[in-house]
Amino acid sequence: MTIAGWIVYGLIVLAIAGIVLRICIDCSIGARIAVIVIGTALAVAVLIGMLAYFAKTESGKRAIVDESSNLHGGIERTINVYTANGDVLASYTGKIDIADADGGYVKFDYDGKRYIYYNCFVETIAELED
């Protein structure tokens, strides 16, 4: 699960705990136990759902790969830069993190240098671990 996913889960658990505490203030011992068990089961169900989302959906898997790339300085990949004619302008292989960019350019750091390519076609091939 991503860091943001854990933060969201923590906030949900805090909300559940607050609701459980509020309900338990004026309850008998048996009702308190029941409310705590239900709150715990709800927190576990939310955790299972979030873990399933990040493990079983392509969107969740992409979020994990994106975060891993951001935290570890990129992922192993090959970047090919092409001219408009389809000729290879440059090729890079290694641990590379590509910056998100709008506006017709691609930006990445490689081997201690920053590369920015404007108005060209870029292909990236990444080796993802299963």
Protein backbone atom coordinates (compact mmCIF):
# COMPACT_ATOMS: atom_id res chain seq x y z
CA MET A 1 0.00 0.00 0.00
CA THR A 2 1.24 3.53 -0.66
CA ILE A 3 2.09 6.06 2.02
CA ALA A 4 -1.04 8.02 1.16
CA GLY A 5 -3.05 4.81 1.45
CA TRP A 6 -1.71 4.20 4.96
CA ILE A 7 -2.52 7.79 5.94
CA VAL A 8 -6.08 7.43 4.66
CA TYR A 9 -6.42 4.12 6.49
CA GLY A 10 -5.13 5.72 9.70
CA LEU A 11 -7.69 8.52 9.41
CA ILE A 12 -10.48 6.00 8.83
CA VAL A 13 -9.39 3.98 11.87
CA LEU A 14 -9.29 7.17 13.97
CA ALA A 15 -12.83 8.02 12.82
CA ILE A 16 -14.02 4.50 13.66
CA ALA A 17 -12.33 4.70 17.07
CA GLY A 18 -13.97 8.05 17.76
CA ILE A 19 -17.40 6.70 16.88
CA VAL A 20 -16.82 3.59 19.01
CA LEU A 21 -15.72 5.72 21.98
CA ARG A 22 -18.71 8.02 21.60
CA ILE A 23 -21.13 5.09 21.49
CA CYS A 24 -19.45 3.33 24.44
CA ILE A 25 -19.74 6.26 26.86
CA ASP A 26 -23.24 5.38 28.11
CA CYS A 27 -23.33 1.65 27.31
CA SER A 28 -23.32 -1.42 29.48
CA ILE A 29 -20.27 -3.70 29.51
CA GLY A 30 -21.87 -6.15 27.05
CA ALA A 31 -22.77 -3.37 24.63
CA ARG A 32 -19.25 -1.90 24.89
CA ILE A 33 -17.71 -5.24 23.98
CA ALA A 34 -20.09 -5.63 21.03
CA VAL A 35 -19.38 -2.10 19.75
CA ILE A 36 -15.61 -2.60 20.08
CA VAL A 37 -15.78 -5.94 18.24
CA ILE A 38 -17.88 -4.37 15.45
CA GLY A 39 -15.50 -1.37 15.22
CA THR A 40 -12.48 -3.67 15.05
CA ALA A 41 -14.14 -5.83 12.39
CA LEU A 42 -14.95 -2.70 10.38
CA ALA A 43 -11.34 -1.48 10.62
CA VAL A 44 -10.04 -4.90 9.52
CA ALA A 45 -12.53 -4.99 6.63
CA VAL A 46 -11.37 -1.56 5.45
CA LEU A 47 -7.74 -2.71 5.65
CA ILE A 48 -8.47 -5.86 3.64
CA GLY A 49 -10.33 -3.80 1.04
CA MET A 50 -7.51 -1.29 0.68
CA LEU A 51 -4.84 -4.00 0.49
CA ALA A 52 -6.90 -5.80 -2.15
CA TYR A 53 -7.23 -2.57 -4.13
CA PHE A 54 -3.47 -1.99 -4.18
CA ALA A 55 -2.65 -5.65 -4.86
CA LYS A 56 -5.37 -6.64 -7.34
CA THR A 57 -6.23 -3.59 -9.44
CA GLU A 58 -3.99 -2.17 -12.16
CA SER A 59 -4.58 1.34 -10.85
CA GLY A 60 -3.42 0.30 -7.39
CA LYS A 61 -0.37 -1.49 -8.79
CA ARG A 62 0.57 1.61 -10.82
CA ALA A 63 0.28 3.76 -7.69
CA ILE A 64 2.73 1.48 -5.87
CA VAL A 65 5.20 1.48 -8.80
CA ASP A 66 4.96 5.29 -9.08
CA GLU A 67 5.64 5.73 -5.37
CA SER A 68 8.50 3.24 -5.44
CA SER A 69 10.03 5.10 -8.39
CA ASN A 70 9.72 8.42 -6.57
CA LEU A 71 11.22 7.08 -3.33
CA HIS A 72 14.08 5.11 -4.87
CA GLY A 73 15.32 7.45 -7.60
CA GLY A 74 13.57 5.78 -10.50
CA ILE A 75 13.13 2.28 -11.85
CA GLU A 76 15.21 0.25 -14.25
CA ARG A 77 14.10 1.23 -17.74
CA THR A 78 15.15 1.96 -21.28
CA ILE A 79 14.21 5.31 -22.79
CA ASN A 80 14.30 5.80 -26.54
CA VAL A 81 13.88 9.31 -27.96
CA TYR A 82 12.73 9.52 -31.58
CA THR A 83 12.64 12.32 -34.13
CA ALA A 84 9.45 13.07 -36.03
CA ASN A 85 10.78 10.83 -38.85
CA GLY A 86 11.08 7.86 -36.49
CA ASP A 87 14.86 7.91 -36.27
CA VAL A 88 16.36 7.19 -32.83
CA LEU A 89 17.77 10.44 -31.49
CA ALA A 90 19.04 9.03 -28.19
CA SER A 91 18.72 5.95 -26.01
CA TYR A 92 19.26 5.62 -22.24
CA THR A 93 19.23 2.52 -20.04
CA GLY A 94 19.43 2.49 -16.25
CA LYS A 95 17.64 3.59 -13.12
CA ILE A 96 15.66 6.59 -14.35
CA ASP A 97 12.77 8.60 -12.89
CA ILE A 98 10.73 10.48 -15.47
CA ALA A 99 9.08 13.68 -14.25
CA ASP A 100 5.42 14.26 -14.99
CA ALA A 101 5.21 17.10 -17.48
CA ASP A 102 2.59 18.78 -19.61
CA GLY A 103 3.46 21.02 -22.49
CA GLY A 104 5.15 18.87 -25.10
CA TYR A 105 8.33 17.86 -23.30
CA VAL A 106 9.76 15.03 -21.24
CA LYS A 107 12.22 15.56 -18.40
CA PHE A 108 14.41 13.06 -16.54
CA ASP A 109 17.71 12.82 -14.69
CA TYR A 110 20.23 10.24 -15.84
CA ASP A 111 23.87 9.68 -14.87
CA GLY A 112 24.08 12.99 -12.98
CA LYS A 113 22.64 15.07 -15.82
CA ARG A 114 19.17 16.48 -16.48
CA TYR A 115 17.67 15.77 -19.89
CA ILE A 116 14.74 17.67 -21.35
CA TYR A 117 13.43 16.80 -24.80
CA TYR A 118 10.92 19.05 -26.50
CA ASN A 119 8.51 18.08 -29.29
CA CYS A 120 9.75 14.55 -29.87
CA PHE A 121 8.46 11.06 -29.32
CA VAL A 122 9.63 9.17 -26.27
CA GLU A 123 9.30 5.46 -25.61
CA THR A 124 10.00 4.06 -22.17
CA ILE A 125 10.30 0.37 -21.41
CA ALA A 126 10.44 -0.51 -17.72
CA GLU A 127 11.23 -3.82 -16.09
CA LEU A 128 8.59 -4.26 -13.37
CA GLU A 129 8.99 -6.77 -10.58
CA ASP A 130 6.05 -9.05 -9.89
